[in-house]
Amino acid sequence: MDQSVIDIIYNEYHQLEHQEVKQTLETLGLEHVMANSEANLNNAIHAILKLAKGNMTEIRRLTECAKIDFRDVIYWASLENK
């Protein structure tokens, strides 16, 4: 997990949730993204954090969605930019 992800977790989640957020996101692995790409995995994790907006329930839900198709969370996050 890169430092930018850890920074987001520490800034947007309560201290008591930090470990759970990290553990939940770590269940999303290279096997869940196209071409076993670290870049795709990192993009999916950033999208999940963006969409969840500090909500632990959303972290869990979005992580499960990303395990089915990681492109969904990336697409949903891109829609928020518009």
Protein backbone atom coordinates (compact mmCIF):
# COMPACT_ATOMS: atom_id res chain seq x y z
CA MET A 1 0.00 0.00 0.00
CA ASP A 2 1.60 3.24 -1.08
CA GLN A 3 2.05 6.31 1.09
CA SER A 4 -0.65 8.33 -0.70
CA VAL A 5 -3.24 5.69 0.27
CA ILE A 6 -2.07 5.68 3.88
CA ASP A 7 -2.24 9.49 3.95
CA ILE A 8 -5.84 9.44 2.70
CA ILE A 9 -6.80 6.83 5.29
CA TYR A 10 -5.22 8.85 8.11
CA ASN A 11 -6.87 12.08 6.93
CA GLU A 12 -10.36 10.80 6.19
CA TYR A 13 -11.00 8.05 8.74
CA HIS A 14 -11.17 7.95 12.49
CA GLN A 15 -8.07 6.57 14.15
CA LEU A 16 -10.02 3.52 15.35
CA GLU A 17 -10.87 2.68 11.72
CA HIS A 18 -7.38 2.97 10.20
CA GLN A 19 -6.48 -0.68 10.62
CA GLU A 20 -9.85 -1.93 9.36
CA VAL A 21 -9.71 0.31 6.28
CA LYS A 22 -6.22 -0.95 5.44
CA GLN A 23 -7.16 -4.58 6.02
CA THR A 24 -10.28 -4.27 3.88
CA LEU A 25 -8.43 -2.62 1.02
CA GLU A 26 -5.67 -5.23 1.23
CA THR A 27 -8.23 -7.93 0.39
CA LEU A 28 -8.26 -6.42 -3.10
CA GLY A 29 -5.26 -7.94 -4.80
CA LEU A 30 -3.50 -8.18 -8.12
CA GLU A 31 -5.69 -11.15 -9.00
CA HIS A 32 -8.69 -8.78 -9.05
CA VAL A 33 -7.29 -6.38 -11.64
CA MET A 34 -6.44 -6.67 -15.32
CA ALA A 35 -2.92 -7.88 -16.17
CA ASN A 36 -2.02 -8.20 -12.49
CA SER A 37 -1.09 -4.54 -12.74
CA GLU A 38 0.02 -2.56 -9.68
CA ALA A 39 -1.15 0.60 -11.46
CA ASN A 40 -4.64 -0.82 -11.95
CA LEU A 41 -4.75 -1.95 -8.32
CA ASN A 42 -3.60 1.46 -7.12
CA ASN A 43 -6.19 3.21 -9.31
CA ALA A 44 -8.95 0.98 -7.94
CA ILE A 45 -7.93 1.64 -4.32
CA HIS A 46 -7.81 5.39 -4.90
CA ALA A 47 -11.23 5.25 -6.55
CA ILE A 48 -12.66 3.33 -3.60
CA LEU A 49 -11.30 5.88 -1.14
CA LYS A 50 -12.64 8.76 -3.23
CA LEU A 51 -16.11 7.24 -3.50
CA ALA A 52 -16.32 6.14 0.13
CA LYS A 53 -15.75 9.66 1.46
CA GLY A 54 -14.71 8.50 4.91
CA ASN A 55 -17.49 5.92 5.28
CA MET A 56 -16.31 2.48 6.45
CA THR A 57 -19.45 0.75 5.21
CA GLU A 58 -18.77 2.11 1.73
CA ILE A 59 -15.16 0.92 1.88
CA ARG A 60 -16.44 -2.61 2.43
CA ARG A 61 -19.12 -2.40 -0.27
CA LEU A 62 -16.90 -0.80 -2.89
CA THR A 63 -14.06 -3.22 -2.23
CA GLU A 64 -16.43 -6.11 -2.89
CA CYS A 65 -17.61 -4.41 -6.10
CA ALA A 66 -14.00 -3.96 -7.21
CA LYS A 67 -13.33 -7.67 -6.67
CA ILE A 68 -16.04 -8.40 -9.24
CA ASP A 69 -14.84 -5.78 -11.74
CA PHE A 70 -12.31 -3.19 -10.62
CA ARG A 71 -13.17 -1.01 -13.62
CA ASP A 72 -16.57 -0.22 -12.11
CA VAL A 73 -15.16 1.72 -9.16
CA ILE A 74 -12.71 3.55 -11.39
CA TYR A 75 -15.54 4.53 -13.72
CA TRP A 76 -17.81 5.64 -10.87
CA ALA A 77 -15.03 7.78 -9.45
CA SER A 78 -14.47 9.38 -12.85
CA LEU A 79 -18.14 10.34 -12.98
CA GLU A 80 -17.72 12.33 -9.78
CA ASN A 81 -15.17 14.52 -11.55
CA LYS A 82 -17.79 15.67 -14.04
